[in-house]
Protein backbone atom coordinates (compact mmCIF):
# COMPACT_ATOMS: atom_id res chain seq x y z
CA UNK A 1 -0.15 -23.06 -5.90
CA UNK A 2 -0.76 -19.39 -6.56
CA UNK A 3 1.48 -17.72 -9.13
CA UNK A 4 2.01 -13.99 -9.42
CA UNK A 5 3.70 -12.52 -12.50
CA UNK A 6 4.31 -8.80 -12.89
CA UNK A 7 4.54 -7.00 -16.21
CA UNK A 8 4.84 -3.43 -17.38
CA UNK A 9 7.10 -0.94 -15.72
CA UNK A 10 10.05 0.54 -17.56
CA UNK A 11 11.67 3.94 -17.73
CA UNK A 12 10.02 7.35 -17.89
CA UNK A 13 10.88 10.97 -17.25
CA UNK A 14 9.59 12.77 -14.21
CA UNK A 15 5.99 13.80 -14.63
CA UNK A 16 5.23 10.87 -16.88
CA UNK A 17 2.98 7.86 -16.37
CA UNK A 18 3.42 4.10 -16.29
CA UNK A 19 1.29 1.10 -15.49
CA UNK A 20 2.32 -2.19 -13.94
CA UNK A 21 0.15 -5.29 -13.93
CA UNK A 22 0.17 -8.56 -12.05
CA UNK A 23 -1.42 -11.77 -13.23
CA UNK A 24 -2.46 -13.96 -10.33
CA UNK A 25 -3.40 -17.53 -11.19
CA UNK A 26 -3.42 -21.07 -9.86
CA UNK A 27 -4.63 -22.55 -6.58
CA UNK A 28 -8.12 -23.81 -7.29
CA UNK A 29 -10.53 -22.54 -4.72
CA UNK A 30 -8.57 -19.33 -4.30
CA UNK A 31 -11.40 -16.83 -4.25
CA UNK A 32 -9.45 -13.87 -5.44
CA UNK A 33 -11.92 -11.13 -4.67
CA UNK A 34 -11.92 -12.09 -1.01
CA UNK A 35 -8.17 -11.79 -0.55
CA UNK A 36 -6.22 -8.69 0.33
CA UNK A 37 -3.75 -7.85 -2.45
CA UNK A 38 -1.35 -5.07 -3.05
CA UNK A 39 1.65 -3.45 -4.60
CA UNK A 40 4.93 -2.92 -2.79
CA UNK A 41 8.23 -1.43 -3.84
CA UNK A 42 11.85 -1.56 -2.85
CA UNK A 43 14.43 1.01 -3.83
CA UNK A 44 18.16 0.25 -3.65
CA UNK A 45 19.40 0.39 -0.10
CA UNK A 46 15.90 0.78 1.32
CA UNK A 47 13.37 -1.52 2.91
CA UNK A 48 10.39 -2.84 1.01
CA UNK A 49 7.37 -0.63 1.54
CA UNK A 50 3.69 -0.82 0.79
CA UNK A 51 2.41 1.37 -2.03
CA UNK A 52 -1.25 0.38 -2.31
CA UNK A 53 -3.48 -2.43 -1.13
CA UNK A 54 -7.01 -3.46 -2.04
CA UNK A 55 -9.71 -5.69 -0.59
CA UNK A 56 -12.90 -6.05 -2.60
CA UNK A 57 -13.13 -2.54 -4.05
CA UNK A 58 -11.58 -0.72 -1.10
CA UNK A 59 -8.11 0.67 -1.79
CA UNK A 60 -5.58 2.19 0.57
CA UNK A 61 -2.49 4.12 -0.44
CA UNK A 62 0.70 5.34 1.09
CA UNK A 63 0.78 9.09 1.61
CA UNK A 64 3.64 9.41 -0.88
CA UNK A 65 1.54 8.11 -3.79
CA UNK A 66 -1.97 9.16 -2.79
CA UNK A 67 -3.60 11.11 -5.60
CA UNK A 68 -1.04 9.92 -8.14
CA UNK A 69 -1.38 6.12 -8.15
CA UNK A 70 -4.50 4.01 -8.66
CA UNK A 71 -4.81 0.32 -7.81
CA UNK A 72 -7.48 -1.79 -9.46
CA UNK A 73 -8.43 -5.41 -10.08
CA UNK A 74 -9.85 -7.24 -13.05
CA UNK A 75 -10.99 -10.82 -13.35
CA UNK A 76 -10.64 -13.58 -15.87
CA UNK A 77 -11.37 -17.26 -15.64
CA UNK A 78 -9.42 -18.45 -12.59
CA UNK A 79 -7.22 -15.38 -12.93
CA UNK A 80 -6.99 -11.98 -11.28
CA UNK A 81 -5.29 -8.97 -12.80
CA UNK A 82 -3.96 -6.53 -10.25
CA UNK A 83 -3.06 -3.20 -11.82
CA UNK A 84 -1.29 -0.09 -10.66
CA UNK A 85 -1.58 3.08 -12.70
CA UNK A 86 1.12 5.58 -11.81
CA UNK A 87 0.80 9.23 -12.82
CA UNK A 88 2.98 12.27 -12.13
CA UNK A 89 5.93 10.01 -11.46
CA UNK A 90 8.87 11.33 -9.48
CA UNK A 91 12.48 10.13 -9.30
CA UNK A 92 11.69 8.99 -5.75
CA UNK A 93 9.28 6.44 -7.23
CA UNK A 94 12.18 4.55 -8.78
CA UNK A 95 12.14 1.03 -7.36
CA UNK A 96 11.45 -2.63 -7.99
CA UNK A 97 7.69 -3.05 -7.77
CA UNK A 98 6.19 -6.27 -6.40
CA UNK A 99 2.63 -7.52 -6.32
CA UNK A 100 1.53 -9.66 -3.42
CA UNK A 101 -1.54 -11.49 -2.17
CA UNK A 102 -2.53 -12.52 1.33
CA UNK A 103 -3.90 -15.88 2.38
CA UNK A 104 -6.19 -16.87 3.94
CA UNK A 105 -9.04 -14.76 2.61
CA UNK A 106 -10.17 -11.75 4.52
CA UNK A 107 -9.85 -7.98 4.61
CA UNK A 108 -6.59 -6.12 4.67
CA UNK A 109 -5.46 -5.53 8.24
CA UNK A 110 -5.04 -1.79 8.09
CA UNK A 111 -2.30 0.60 7.11
CA UNK A 112 0.57 0.19 6.83
CA UNK A 113 0.26 -3.51 6.11
CA UNK A 114 2.79 -5.90 7.57
CA UNK A 115 4.82 -7.54 4.83
CA UNK A 116 4.74 -10.90 6.59
CA UNK A 117 0.95 -10.98 6.19
CA UNK A 118 1.36 -11.46 2.45
CA UNK A 119 1.98 -15.08 1.61
CA UNK A 120 2.42 -14.94 -2.15
CA UNK A 121 4.76 -12.62 -4.04
CA UNK A 122 5.79 -11.93 -7.61
CA UNK A 123 9.37 -11.51 -8.78
CA UNK A 124 9.15 -7.76 -9.27
CA UNK A 125 9.27 -5.34 -12.18
CA UNK A 126 11.54 -2.32 -12.41
CA UNK A 127 10.26 1.24 -12.59
CA UNK A 128 12.83 3.95 -13.25
CA UNK A 129 11.98 7.66 -13.22
CA UNK A 130 14.60 10.10 -14.43
CA UNK A 131 14.70 13.77 -13.58
């Protein structure tokens, strides 16, 4: 069974930077590079929304974070590290950030991605941006 564990996040003032990471492990035969993965966020009282997704080396971003956030992947033995670097943070970026992966393997299905496409989710990590 695939496990996703987020880390990082925290509190920062507007204009600052943070990184969040997700360690994806488990499920032998899960060929990580061939699965669509991404970061999503949910602010209080709002629906969960996609922030950035990646398949192979091809990223896509929401308009609200384009140019400020960067998604990337790294690989270890039977492990994938999904990272999100967030620059020029704004109070509107305050939310619980989730990483997610889609099974079966295959490219991301376009933008915006449908949440139900993603079969595996982490528990979330909080990002708070103060003005």
